[in-house]
Amino acid sequence: MKSDLPERTFAFAVEIVELCKELNGKRGITRTLLTQLLRSGISVGANVQEGQSSQSTADFLTKYSIACKEARETHYWLRLLVATNLISETGLRSYLPNPTSYWRF
C-alpha cells in the first residue's frame, strides 16, 4: 500500500523552515526556541524517510515511532510560539494553512 506520508512530511518540513526563517528576524525570539522547533519539525519527515527503507518491521516501527514523537514535540513548540505571542494563531496558519493534512495517518 503506497502512502503519501513521505511527501506530506517533506512539505511540512519546508513550511517549518519557512516559518523559522521568518521568525529569525523577529525581536524577542530566542535562538534556542527556533533551534528546537526547526530540529523537531524537520526530523518528522527525516524519520519517515528512513522508515521507508527499513530493513525489518521492528526498524520500520522504530522510525515511525520517533517521527510521531517529533511531531508531538513540534506541536508543543508551535503552541508555545502562539501562547507567548511570538506569532499569532492567524500568522501561524499562514505558514501551516491546513495542519490536519499533515497529521492524518
C-alpha atoms as a PDB file:
ATOM      1  CA  MET A   1       0.000   0.000   0.000  1.00  0.00           C
ATOM      2  CA  LYS A   2       1.507   3.284  -1.136  1.00  0.00           C
ATOM      3  CA  SER A   3       1.417   6.142   1.359  1.00  0.00           C
ATOM      4  CA  ASP A   4       1.698   9.855   0.723  1.00  0.00           C
ATOM      5  CA  LEU A   5       3.120  10.380   4.223  1.00  0.00           C
ATOM      6  CA  PRO A   6       6.721  10.918   2.996  1.00  0.00           C
ATOM      7  CA  GLU A   7       5.545  13.739   0.716  1.00  0.00           C
ATOM      8  CA  ARG A   8       3.307  15.309   3.360  1.00  0.00           C
ATOM      9  CA  THR A   9       6.061  15.274   5.982  1.00  0.00           C
ATOM     10  CA  PHE A  10       8.506  16.770   3.474  1.00  0.00           C
ATOM     11  CA  ALA A  11       6.027  19.571   2.711  1.00  0.00           C
ATOM     12  CA  PHE A  12       5.612  20.120   6.441  1.00  0.00           C
ATOM     13  CA  ALA A  13       9.397  20.397   6.882  1.00  0.00           C
ATOM     14  CA  VAL A  14       9.555  23.012   4.125  1.00  0.00           C
ATOM     15  CA  GLU A  15       6.867  25.061   5.877  1.00  0.00           C
ATOM     16  CA  ILE A  16       8.677  24.766   9.231  1.00  0.00           C
ATOM     17  CA  VAL A  17      11.876  26.041   7.595  1.00  0.00           C
ATOM     18  CA  GLU A  18       9.975  28.972   6.064  1.00  0.00           C
ATOM     19  CA  LEU A  19       8.369  29.799   9.415  1.00  0.00           C
ATOM     20  CA  CYS A  20      11.747  29.713  11.182  1.00  0.00           C
ATOM     21  CA  LYS A  21      13.290  31.946   8.522  1.00  0.00           C
ATOM     22  CA  GLU A  22      10.508  34.477   9.099  1.00  0.00           C
ATOM     23  CA  LEU A  23      10.732  34.343  12.891  1.00  0.00           C
ATOM     24  CA  ASN A  24      14.517  34.528  12.897  1.00  0.00           C
ATOM     25  CA  GLY A  25      14.408  38.286  12.428  1.00  0.00           C
ATOM     26  CA  LYS A  26      11.602  38.902  14.914  1.00  0.00           C
ATOM     27  CA  ARG A  27      12.516  40.734  18.092  1.00  0.00           C
ATOM     28  CA  GLY A  28      12.250  38.774  21.289  1.00  0.00           C
ATOM     29  CA  ILE A  29      12.532  35.340  19.743  1.00  0.00           C
ATOM     30  CA  THR A  30      15.332  33.240  21.126  1.00  0.00           C
ATOM     31  CA  ARG A  31      17.701  31.138  19.114  1.00  0.00           C
ATOM     32  CA  THR A  32      17.026  28.165  21.383  1.00  0.00           C
ATOM     33  CA  LEU A  33      13.300  28.142  20.638  1.00  0.00           C
ATOM     34  CA  LEU A  34      13.832  28.347  16.885  1.00  0.00           C
ATOM     35  CA  THR A  35      16.502  25.660  17.003  1.00  0.00           C
ATOM     36  CA  GLN A  36      14.199  23.300  18.890  1.00  0.00           C
ATOM     37  CA  LEU A  37      11.292  23.944  16.512  1.00  0.00           C
ATOM     38  CA  LEU A  38      13.472  23.509  13.447  1.00  0.00           C
ATOM     39  CA  ARG A  39      15.103  20.293  14.688  1.00  0.00           C
ATOM     40  CA  SER A  40      11.873  18.588  15.690  1.00  0.00           C
ATOM     41  CA  GLY A  41       9.924  19.873  12.675  1.00  0.00           C
ATOM     42  CA  ILE A  42      12.324  18.578  10.056  1.00  0.00           C
ATOM     43  CA  SER A  43      13.039  15.385  11.974  1.00  0.00           C
ATOM     44  CA  VAL A  44       9.481  14.163  11.422  1.00  0.00           C
ATOM     45  CA  GLY A  45       9.992  13.716   7.689  1.00  0.00           C
ATOM     46  CA  ALA A  46      13.563  12.515   8.034  1.00  0.00           C
ATOM     47  CA  ASN A  47      12.444   9.626  10.228  1.00  0.00           C
ATOM     48  CA  VAL A  48       9.562   8.781   7.896  1.00  0.00           C
ATOM     49  CA  GLN A  49      12.051   8.660   5.014  1.00  0.00           C
ATOM     50  CA  GLU A  50      14.363   6.392   6.995  1.00  0.00           C
ATOM     51  CA  GLY A  51      11.412   4.151   7.814  1.00  0.00           C
ATOM     52  CA  GLN A  52      10.705   3.778   4.094  1.00  0.00           C
ATOM     53  CA  SER A  53      13.975   1.903   3.679  1.00  0.00           C
ATOM     54  CA  SER A  54      13.864  -0.029   6.934  1.00  0.00           C
ATOM     55  CA  GLN A  55      15.343  -3.496   6.980  1.00  0.00           C
ATOM     56  CA  SER A  56      12.762  -5.031   9.293  1.00  0.00           C
ATOM     57  CA  THR A  57       9.323  -4.429  10.723  1.00  0.00           C
ATOM     58  CA  ALA A  58      10.905  -3.507  14.042  1.00  0.00           C
ATOM     59  CA  ASP A  59      13.154  -0.934  12.338  1.00  0.00           C
ATOM     60  CA  PHE A  60      10.145   0.498  10.475  1.00  0.00           C
ATOM     61  CA  LEU A  61       8.126   0.789  13.681  1.00  0.00           C
ATOM     62  CA  THR A  62      11.041   2.421  15.497  1.00  0.00           C
ATOM     63  CA  LYS A  63      11.475   5.104  12.810  1.00  0.00           C
ATOM     64  CA  TYR A  64       7.765   5.844  12.620  1.00  0.00           C
ATOM     65  CA  SER A  65       7.532   5.958  16.404  1.00  0.00           C
ATOM     66  CA  ILE A  66      10.329   8.529  16.501  1.00  0.00           C
ATOM     67  CA  ALA A  67       8.546  10.526  13.773  1.00  0.00           C
ATOM     68  CA  CYS A  68       5.391  10.591  15.919  1.00  0.00           C
ATOM     69  CA  LYS A  69       7.361  11.771  18.953  1.00  0.00           C
ATOM     70  CA  GLU A  70       8.999  14.521  16.911  1.00  0.00           C
ATOM     71  CA  ALA A  71       5.588  15.586  15.588  1.00  0.00           C
ATOM     72  CA  ARG A  72       4.298  15.900  19.139  1.00  0.00           C
ATOM     73  CA  GLU A  73       7.341  17.933  20.132  1.00  0.00           C
ATOM     74  CA  THR A  74       6.872  20.206  17.115  1.00  0.00           C
ATOM     75  CA  HIS A  75       3.240  20.717  18.087  1.00  0.00           C
ATOM     76  CA  TYR A  76       4.439  21.769  21.550  1.00  0.00           C
ATOM     77  CA  TRP A  77       6.845  24.372  20.143  1.00  0.00           C
ATOM     78  CA  LEU A  78       4.189  25.747  17.806  1.00  0.00           C
ATOM     79  CA  ARG A  79       1.718  26.050  20.693  1.00  0.00           C
ATOM     80  CA  LEU A  80       4.398  27.805  22.741  1.00  0.00           C
ATOM     81  CA  LEU A  81       5.028  30.331  19.961  1.00  0.00           C
ATOM     82  CA  VAL A  82       1.334  31.214  19.915  1.00  0.00           C
ATOM     83  CA  ALA A  83       0.929  31.198  23.719  1.00  0.00           C
ATOM     84  CA  THR A  84       3.849  33.609  24.182  1.00  0.00           C
ATOM     85  CA  ASN A  85       2.606  35.908  21.399  1.00  0.00           C
ATOM     86  CA  LEU A  86       5.693  35.386  19.292  1.00  0.00           C
ATOM     87  CA  ILE A  87       3.316  34.643  16.439  1.00  0.00           C
ATOM     88  CA  SER A  88      -0.447  34.901  16.240  1.00  0.00           C
ATOM     89  CA  GLU A  89      -2.577  31.862  15.523  1.00  0.00           C
ATOM     90  CA  THR A  90      -3.581  33.566  12.280  1.00  0.00           C
ATOM     91  CA  GLY A  91       0.068  34.161  11.420  1.00  0.00           C
ATOM     92  CA  LEU A  92       0.893  30.555  12.147  1.00  0.00           C
ATOM     93  CA  ARG A  93      -1.921  29.417   9.867  1.00  0.00           C
ATOM     94  CA  SER A  94      -0.410  31.441   7.035  1.00  0.00           C
ATOM     95  CA  TYR A  95       2.610  29.112   7.225  1.00  0.00           C
ATOM     96  CA  LEU A  96       0.679  25.976   8.124  1.00  0.00           C
ATOM     97  CA  PRO A  97      -2.666  26.571   6.418  1.00  0.00           C
ATOM     98  CA  ASN A  98      -4.104  23.106   6.999  1.00  0.00           C
ATOM     99  CA  PRO A  99      -2.195  21.399   9.810  1.00  0.00           C
ATOM    100  CA  THR A 100      -4.568  18.433   9.954  1.00  0.00           C
ATOM    101  CA  SER A 101      -3.438  17.396   6.471  1.00  0.00           C
ATOM    102  CA  TYR A 102      -0.001  16.609   7.895  1.00  0.00           C
ATOM    103  CA  TRP A 103      -1.125  14.642  10.908  1.00  0.00           C
ATOM    104  CA  ARG A 104      -3.565  12.144   9.452  1.00  0.00           C
ATOM    105  CA  PHE A 105      -2.042   8.668   9.397  1.00  0.00           C
END
